């Protein structure tokens, strides 16, 4: 009897040990847990893009706890390919990832962004579109760089979109063209967006003179309500005809803006820019983070993607600044080149940086509203670039 009890207790403890993470963890798991802690630090203590970086970090943290993947994600039957649809005993994270797998979350994020964004500065100064276009330079530099490093055309396009400085667009394109790269691309995009002040400010000071930084721009004209209502409808129609692949993102962006500007659906507008975007942001962040598993993330290609991401951000900033400098020359000093850096689509952070650097030279010079034109143009430009890449490589 005593021996039987010992055997039973032995089996119990053996089974308990096997179910614990200690017997299932790898060095990659623990490295990813450390990386997640670094992202926690950036999001919480440095306030670096915390709205999405924090849930991404926590999703990464959860999935890399040894033994947690089976409970939180599910299991794959032996002999079947490890695809999203082949998972059995599905867990919470599998269901949250549905919005990424079916590319639902990014367009909903764009709906909220549209409801929060005033397109008035862009309508008042349509030339801002040229700056927004110039700031897409980083996308094409990263595209060719990725091809030279041996990535396929689709993978290179997915990596290149990091240069648009737009997290939802990066996730959308990556999911369509290179699903395995989604976690790396998303984390790179949002990490570098959080570091935009550190990336852009030195470049802005280096590429502009003190005289240029001190340029005062004329106040923007008042944009009528009718113009603001017509703008999203016309943009959606034109883009839909010319570049249908951009419509899921751009269409939702314009719908959100129409909610805002029409003035007849205040409840919908409020929900889109508050409850909806906040909820989707939580789900999107956790879902992206939970795909950053150690064995997938800690690969040589990750380093290449991170380096290309930095190059893309730098080139995007340079492209916007050089376009604005050219426009400054052509208009005989009517445009402050600092607004060129806002051509990347990190709204409204990039516009605020233009304001900050301008006020370093002249504390009474306010560039924020002028910079919002290129900033909004950058959002539209990155969506158009995404549609073009999807049309070519999709």
Protein backbone atom coordinates (compact mmCIF):
# COMPACT_ATOMS: atom_id res chain seq x y z
CA UNK A 1 0.00 0.00 0.00
CA UNK A 2 2.77 2.40 1.00
CA UNK A 3 4.65 1.69 -2.22
CA UNK A 4 1.49 2.32 -4.26
CA UNK A 5 1.03 5.67 -2.52
CA UNK A 6 4.64 6.63 -3.27
CA UNK A 7 4.13 5.68 -6.92
CA UNK A 8 0.90 7.73 -7.08
CA UNK A 9 2.54 10.77 -5.48
CA UNK A 10 5.49 10.35 -7.85
CA UNK A 11 3.18 10.40 -10.86
CA UNK A 12 1.33 13.43 -9.49
CA UNK A 13 4.47 15.46 -8.94
CA UNK A 14 5.93 14.31 -12.25
CA UNK A 15 2.77 15.41 -14.06
CA UNK A 16 2.75 18.71 -12.15
CA UNK A 17 6.36 19.36 -13.08
CA UNK A 18 5.69 18.57 -16.74
CA UNK A 19 2.80 21.06 -16.76
CA UNK A 20 5.00 23.85 -15.37
CA UNK A 21 6.89 26.19 -17.63
CA UNK A 22 10.28 25.28 -16.15
CA UNK A 23 10.42 22.15 -18.28
CA UNK A 24 9.28 23.93 -21.46
CA UNK A 25 11.20 27.20 -21.54
CA UNK A 26 14.03 28.00 -23.96
CA UNK A 27 16.67 30.72 -23.87
CA UNK A 28 14.70 32.56 -26.54
CA UNK A 29 11.72 32.79 -24.18
CA UNK A 30 13.78 34.46 -21.49
CA UNK A 31 15.45 36.88 -23.90
CA UNK A 32 12.02 37.93 -25.18
CA UNK A 33 10.82 38.44 -21.60
CA UNK A 34 13.75 40.82 -21.10
CA UNK A 35 12.91 42.65 -24.35
CA UNK A 36 9.31 42.97 -23.16
CA UNK A 37 10.58 44.53 -19.93
CA UNK A 38 12.60 47.05 -21.95
CA UNK A 39 9.43 47.99 -23.83
CA UNK A 40 7.60 48.29 -20.49
CA UNK A 41 10.28 50.74 -19.39
CA UNK A 42 10.00 52.81 -22.58
CA UNK A 43 6.21 52.90 -22.46
CA UNK A 44 5.74 53.56 -18.73
CA UNK A 45 8.75 55.59 -17.63
CA UNK A 46 9.72 57.29 -20.90
CA UNK A 47 6.11 57.61 -22.11
CA UNK A 48 7.23 56.48 -25.56
CA UNK A 49 4.05 55.76 -27.58
CA UNK A 50 2.54 54.04 -24.49
CA UNK A 51 -0.95 53.60 -25.94
CA UNK A 52 0.23 50.78 -28.17
CA UNK A 53 3.72 49.96 -26.95
CA UNK A 54 2.40 48.89 -23.54
CA UNK A 55 -0.15 46.33 -24.82
CA UNK A 56 2.35 45.06 -27.41
CA UNK A 57 4.92 44.55 -24.67
CA UNK A 58 2.41 42.73 -22.49
CA UNK A 59 1.29 40.46 -25.33
CA UNK A 60 4.96 39.63 -25.96
CA UNK A 61 5.46 39.04 -22.25
CA UNK A 62 2.46 36.68 -21.99
CA UNK A 63 3.26 34.48 -24.98
CA UNK A 64 6.89 34.01 -23.95
CA UNK A 65 6.17 32.84 -20.42
CA UNK A 66 7.30 29.20 -20.68
CA UNK A 67 4.28 26.93 -21.01
CA UNK A 68 1.79 29.76 -21.48
CA UNK A 69 1.44 29.46 -25.26
CA UNK A 70 -0.56 26.22 -25.02
CA UNK A 71 -3.12 27.89 -22.74
CA UNK A 72 -3.22 31.38 -24.24
CA UNK A 73 -2.93 30.50 -27.94
CA UNK A 74 -3.71 26.81 -28.43
CA UNK A 75 -1.99 23.78 -29.89
CA UNK A 76 -1.25 22.44 -33.36
CA UNK A 77 -2.18 18.83 -34.23
CA UNK A 78 0.82 16.73 -35.08
CA UNK A 79 1.53 16.62 -38.80
CA UNK A 80 -0.38 19.80 -39.66
CA UNK A 81 1.20 23.08 -40.73
CA UNK A 82 1.43 25.69 -37.98
CA UNK A 83 -1.12 28.09 -39.44
CA UNK A 84 -3.72 30.24 -37.71
CA UNK A 85 -6.64 28.09 -38.88
CA UNK A 86 -5.04 24.81 -37.77
CA UNK A 87 -4.98 25.70 -34.07
CA UNK A 88 -7.06 23.52 -31.73
CA UNK A 89 -7.99 24.09 -28.07
CA UNK A 90 -7.96 27.77 -28.94
CA UNK A 91 -7.14 30.26 -26.20
CA UNK A 92 -7.85 33.94 -25.57
CA UNK A 93 -4.97 35.29 -27.66
CA UNK A 94 -6.03 33.23 -30.68
CA UNK A 95 -9.40 34.96 -30.64
CA UNK A 96 -7.87 38.41 -30.13
CA UNK A 97 -5.57 37.78 -33.10
CA UNK A 98 -8.58 37.22 -35.35
CA UNK A 99 -8.75 40.98 -36.01
CA UNK A 100 -5.14 40.95 -37.22
CA UNK A 101 -5.46 37.75 -39.24
CA UNK A 102 -8.49 39.14 -41.07
CA UNK A 103 -6.98 42.68 -41.17
CA UNK A 104 -9.91 44.22 -39.28
CA UNK A 105 -8.08 46.21 -36.61
CA UNK A 106 -5.94 48.57 -38.79
CA UNK A 107 -8.91 50.02 -40.76
CA UNK A 108 -10.82 50.52 -37.49
CA UNK A 109 -7.82 52.39 -36.09
CA UNK A 110 -7.91 54.59 -39.20
CA UNK A 111 -11.61 55.23 -38.57
CA UNK A 112 -10.73 56.63 -35.16
CA UNK A 113 -7.79 58.65 -36.50
CA UNK A 114 -10.06 60.21 -39.12
CA UNK A 115 -12.59 61.19 -36.45
CA UNK A 116 -9.83 62.87 -34.42
CA UNK A 117 -8.07 64.68 -37.27
CA UNK A 118 -8.77 68.11 -38.71
CA UNK A 119 -7.99 68.11 -42.42
CA UNK A 120 -8.44 71.90 -42.53
CA UNK A 121 -4.70 72.76 -42.66
CA UNK A 122 -4.24 70.45 -45.65
CA UNK A 123 -7.29 71.85 -47.46
CA UNK A 124 -6.11 75.40 -46.74
CA UNK A 125 -2.65 74.66 -48.11
CA UNK A 126 -2.89 71.89 -50.74
CA UNK A 127 0.83 72.27 -51.49
CA UNK A 128 1.34 70.33 -48.25
CA UNK A 129 0.58 67.20 -50.27
CA UNK A 130 3.92 67.62 -52.02
CA UNK A 131 5.73 67.55 -48.67
CA UNK A 132 3.75 64.49 -47.60
CA UNK A 133 4.74 62.80 -50.87
CA UNK A 134 8.40 63.72 -50.39
CA UNK A 135 8.38 62.18 -46.92
CA UNK A 136 7.49 58.80 -48.43
CA UNK A 137 11.08 58.59 -49.69
CA UNK A 138 11.94 56.32 -46.76
CA UNK A 139 9.50 53.67 -47.99
CA UNK A 140 11.23 53.33 -51.34
CA UNK A 141 14.75 53.47 -49.93
CA UNK A 142 13.86 50.66 -47.50
CA UNK A 143 12.19 48.71 -50.33
CA UNK A 144 15.34 48.62 -52.44
CA UNK A 145 17.50 48.04 -49.36
CA UNK A 146 15.44 45.00 -48.36
CA UNK A 147 15.66 43.56 -51.88
CA UNK A 148 19.44 43.99 -51.84
CA UNK A 149 19.57 42.12 -48.53
CA UNK A 150 17.84 39.13 -50.10
CA UNK A 151 14.23 39.56 -49.02
CA UNK A 152 11.56 38.66 -51.56
CA UNK A 153 9.61 41.45 -53.25
CA UNK A 154 6.58 40.97 -50.99
CA UNK A 155 8.73 40.86 -47.84
CA UNK A 156 10.66 43.94 -48.96
CA UNK A 157 7.40 45.83 -49.52
CA UNK A 158 6.14 44.83 -46.07
CA UNK A 159 9.39 46.02 -44.47
CA UNK A 160 9.48 49.22 -46.52
CA UNK A 161 6.15 50.48 -45.23
CA UNK A 162 7.82 51.04 -41.83
CA UNK A 163 9.15 54.22 -43.47
CA UNK A 164 5.64 55.63 -43.55
CA UNK A 165 5.78 56.04 -39.75
CA UNK A 166 2.28 54.61 -39.51
CA UNK A 167 1.82 51.55 -37.29
CA UNK A 168 -1.64 50.39 -38.48
CA UNK A 169 -0.55 50.70 -42.14
CA UNK A 170 2.61 48.71 -41.42
CA UNK A 171 0.58 45.94 -39.78
CA UNK A 172 -1.98 45.95 -42.59
CA UNK A 173 0.61 45.61 -45.37
CA UNK A 174 2.74 43.09 -43.46
CA UNK A 175 -0.26 40.85 -42.80
CA UNK A 176 -1.17 40.92 -46.49
CA UNK A 177 2.32 40.37 -47.87
CA UNK A 178 4.52 38.71 -45.23
CA UNK A 179 2.58 37.41 -42.24
CA UNK A 180 5.62 35.90 -40.51
CA UNK A 181 7.18 39.36 -40.31
CA UNK A 182 4.15 41.06 -38.69
CA UNK A 183 5.51 41.07 -35.10
CA UNK A 184 8.95 42.38 -36.05
CA UNK A 185 7.59 45.03 -38.42
CA UNK A 186 4.92 46.18 -35.95
CA UNK A 187 7.33 46.42 -33.03
CA UNK A 188 9.92 48.21 -35.19
CA UNK A 189 7.31 50.66 -36.51
CA UNK A 190 5.91 51.57 -33.11
CA UNK A 191 9.29 51.62 -31.37
CA UNK A 192 10.70 54.04 -33.92
CA UNK A 193 7.54 56.15 -33.81
CA UNK A 194 8.13 56.44 -30.07
CA UNK A 195 11.71 57.53 -30.79
CA UNK A 196 10.76 60.11 -33.44
CA UNK A 197 11.82 63.10 -31.28
CA UNK A 198 15.30 61.62 -30.92
CA UNK A 199 15.52 60.63 -34.60
CA UNK A 200 14.09 63.77 -36.20
CA UNK A 201 15.38 66.71 -34.18
CA UNK A 202 19.12 66.28 -34.99
CA UNK A 203 18.30 65.80 -38.68
CA UNK A 204 16.09 68.91 -38.70
CA UNK A 205 18.83 71.04 -37.14
CA UNK A 206 21.47 69.65 -39.51
CA UNK A 207 19.49 70.22 -42.72
CA UNK A 208 18.14 73.70 -41.98
CA UNK A 209 19.81 77.01 -41.22
CA UNK A 210 18.94 79.24 -38.29
CA UNK A 211 17.49 81.75 -40.74
CA UNK A 212 15.24 79.07 -42.27
CA UNK A 213 14.10 77.84 -38.86
CA UNK A 214 13.07 81.38 -37.95
CA UNK A 215 10.79 81.86 -40.99
CA UNK A 216 7.28 82.95 -40.01
CA UNK A 217 4.52 81.60 -42.20
CA UNK A 218 1.34 83.49 -43.05
CA UNK A 219 -1.80 82.40 -41.17
CA UNK A 220 -3.80 79.73 -42.98
CA UNK A 221 -7.07 80.77 -44.56
CA UNK A 222 -10.31 79.77 -42.90
CA UNK A 223 -11.68 76.56 -44.40
CA UNK A 224 -15.45 76.36 -44.78
CA UNK A 225 -17.55 73.54 -43.40
CA UNK A 226 -18.68 72.65 -46.92
CA UNK A 227 -15.07 72.16 -48.03
CA UNK A 228 -14.39 69.91 -45.05
CA UNK A 229 -17.44 67.77 -45.85
CA UNK A 230 -16.70 67.47 -49.57
CA UNK A 231 -12.99 66.66 -49.10
CA UNK A 232 -13.30 63.11 -47.62
CA UNK A 233 -15.97 62.15 -50.15
CA UNK A 234 -13.93 63.32 -53.15
CA UNK A 235 -10.69 61.76 -51.87
CA UNK A 236 -12.41 58.42 -51.30
CA UNK A 237 -13.92 58.46 -54.80
CA UNK A 238 -10.70 59.43 -56.58
CA UNK A 239 -8.49 56.99 -54.65
CA UNK A 240 -11.08 54.24 -54.97
CA UNK A 241 -11.02 54.54 -58.75
CA UNK A 242 -7.25 54.90 -59.11
CA UNK A 243 -5.98 52.63 -56.32
CA UNK A 244 -8.65 50.27 -54.92
CA UNK A 245 -6.12 48.45 -52.69
CA UNK A 246 -5.81 51.61 -50.55
CA UNK A 247 -9.54 51.87 -49.87
CA UNK A 248 -9.81 49.71 -46.70
CA UNK A 249 -7.45 52.10 -44.90
CA UNK A 250 -8.14 55.39 -46.64
CA UNK A 251 -11.89 54.80 -46.84
CA UNK A 252 -12.15 54.26 -43.08
CA UNK A 253 -9.95 57.32 -42.48
CA UNK A 254 -12.28 59.47 -44.58
CA UNK A 255 -15.42 57.98 -43.02
CA UNK A 256 -14.16 58.90 -39.56
CA UNK A 257 -13.40 62.42 -40.78
CA UNK A 258 -16.86 62.69 -42.33
CA UNK A 259 -18.36 61.73 -38.96
CA UNK A 260 -16.38 64.60 -37.44
CA UNK A 261 -17.06 67.29 -40.01
CA UNK A 262 -20.69 66.58 -40.89
CA UNK A 263 -21.84 67.61 -37.42
CA UNK A 264 -24.87 65.32 -37.57
CA UNK A 265 -23.50 62.19 -35.90
CA UNK A 266 -21.80 63.47 -32.76
CA UNK A 267 -22.34 60.16 -30.95
CA UNK A 268 -20.70 58.18 -33.75
CA UNK A 269 -17.83 60.63 -33.97
CA UNK A 270 -17.29 60.56 -30.22
CA UNK A 271 -17.40 56.76 -30.13
CA UNK A 272 -14.97 56.43 -33.05
CA UNK A 273 -12.38 58.76 -31.50
CA UNK A 274 -12.75 57.47 -27.95
CA UNK A 275 -14.30 54.10 -27.07
CA UNK A 276 -13.77 52.35 -30.40
CA UNK A 277 -10.17 53.35 -31.10
CA UNK A 278 -9.17 52.72 -27.48
CA UNK A 279 -10.69 49.23 -27.46
CA UNK A 280 -9.21 48.29 -30.83
CA UNK A 281 -5.81 49.65 -29.77
CA UNK A 282 -5.78 47.30 -26.78
CA UNK A 283 -6.74 44.27 -28.88
CA UNK A 284 -4.32 45.18 -31.69
CA UNK A 285 -1.39 45.70 -29.34
CA UNK A 286 -1.86 42.45 -27.43
CA UNK A 287 -2.50 40.49 -30.65
CA UNK A 288 0.66 41.78 -32.33
CA UNK A 289 2.78 41.27 -29.24
CA UNK A 290 1.60 37.70 -28.76
CA UNK A 291 3.07 36.72 -32.14
CA UNK A 292 6.56 37.83 -31.09
CA UNK A 293 7.67 34.39 -29.95
CA UNK A 294 11.34 33.92 -29.19
CA UNK A 295 12.20 31.36 -31.84
CA UNK A 296 10.59 33.51 -34.55
CA UNK A 297 11.65 36.96 -33.36
CA UNK A 298 15.27 36.23 -32.46
CA UNK A 299 16.48 35.58 -35.99
CA UNK A 300 19.11 37.38 -38.12
CA UNK A 301 16.43 38.86 -40.33
CA UNK A 302 15.05 40.74 -37.31
CA UNK A 303 18.25 42.77 -37.09
CA UNK A 304 18.05 43.59 -40.80
CA UNK A 305 14.44 44.73 -40.42
CA UNK A 306 15.27 46.94 -37.43
CA UNK A 307 18.19 48.55 -39.30
CA UNK A 308 16.08 49.08 -42.42
CA UNK A 309 13.38 50.61 -40.22
CA UNK A 310 15.80 53.23 -38.87
CA UNK A 311 17.04 54.00 -42.38
CA UNK A 312 13.45 54.34 -43.60
CA UNK A 313 12.54 56.79 -40.81
CA UNK A 314 15.66 58.86 -41.41
CA UNK A 315 15.14 58.97 -45.18
CA UNK A 316 11.46 59.84 -44.75
CA UNK A 317 12.40 62.80 -42.55
CA UNK A 318 15.13 63.88 -44.99
CA UNK A 319 12.76 63.57 -47.96
CA UNK A 320 10.16 65.78 -46.29
CA UNK A 321 12.71 68.38 -45.19
CA UNK A 322 14.37 68.60 -48.62
CA UNK A 323 10.99 68.96 -50.33
CA UNK A 324 10.06 71.76 -47.94
CA UNK A 325 13.46 73.45 -48.47
CA UNK A 326 12.89 73.39 -52.23
CA UNK A 327 9.42 74.87 -51.76
CA UNK A 328 10.96 77.51 -49.48
CA UNK A 329 13.32 78.53 -52.29
CA UNK A 330 10.60 78.54 -54.93
CA UNK A 331 8.27 80.67 -52.77
CA UNK A 332 11.12 83.03 -51.78
CA UNK A 333 11.05 82.18 -48.11
CA UNK A 334 7.32 81.79 -47.46
CA UNK A 335 7.59 78.19 -46.21
CA UNK A 336 9.53 77.18 -43.12
CA UNK A 337 11.43 73.98 -44.05
CA UNK A 338 10.88 72.58 -40.54
CA UNK A 339 7.32 71.60 -41.46
CA UNK A 340 8.83 69.11 -43.93
CA UNK A 341 9.71 66.66 -41.16
CA UNK A 342 6.00 66.44 -40.33
CA UNK A 343 5.42 64.77 -43.70
CA UNK A 344 5.83 61.40 -42.04
CA UNK A 345 2.43 60.23 -40.86
CA UNK A 346 2.95 60.07 -37.10
CA UNK A 347 -0.04 62.27 -36.22
CA UNK A 348 0.21 64.66 -34.42
CA UNK A 349 3.62 63.90 -32.89
CA UNK A 350 5.65 64.86 -35.97
CA UNK A 351 3.82 68.20 -36.25
CA UNK A 352 4.55 68.96 -32.60
CA UNK A 353 8.25 68.31 -33.20
CA UNK A 354 8.24 70.88 -36.02
CA UNK A 355 6.70 73.33 -33.56
CA UNK A 356 9.26 72.50 -30.86
CA UNK A 357 12.32 72.91 -33.09
CA UNK A 358 10.93 76.14 -34.54
CA UNK A 359 10.39 77.61 -31.10
CA UNK A 360 13.98 76.80 -30.14
CA UNK A 361 14.99 79.52 -32.60
CA UNK A 362 12.05 81.85 -32.03
CA UNK A 363 9.81 81.11 -29.00
CA UNK A 364 7.00 83.22 -30.48
CA UNK A 365 6.94 81.39 -33.83
CA UNK A 366 4.13 78.83 -33.98
CA UNK A 367 4.33 76.23 -36.75
CA UNK A 368 1.94 73.59 -35.41
CA UNK A 369 -1.05 74.29 -37.66
CA UNK A 370 1.20 74.72 -40.71
CA UNK A 371 2.90 71.40 -39.90
CA UNK A 372 -0.45 69.63 -39.56
CA UNK A 373 -0.99 69.99 -43.31
CA UNK A 374 2.05 67.86 -44.27
CA UNK A 375 1.33 65.58 -41.31
CA UNK A 376 -2.17 64.76 -42.53
CA UNK A 377 -0.81 64.51 -46.08
CA UNK A 378 1.66 61.95 -44.75
CA UNK A 379 -1.18 59.79 -43.41
CA UNK A 380 -2.88 59.87 -46.80
CA UNK A 381 0.46 59.35 -48.56
CA UNK A 382 1.37 56.29 -46.52
CA UNK A 383 -2.05 54.76 -47.20
CA UNK A 384 -1.60 55.41 -50.92
CA UNK A 385 1.91 53.94 -50.82
CA UNK A 386 0.49 50.87 -49.05
CA UNK A 387 -2.16 50.49 -51.74
CA UNK A 388 0.47 50.77 -54.47
CA UNK A 389 2.72 48.17 -52.84
CA UNK A 390 -0.23 45.80 -52.39
CA UNK A 391 -1.25 46.28 -56.02
CA UNK A 392 2.30 45.46 -57.20
CA UNK A 393 3.32 42.69 -54.80
CA UNK A 394 -0.01 41.39 -53.48
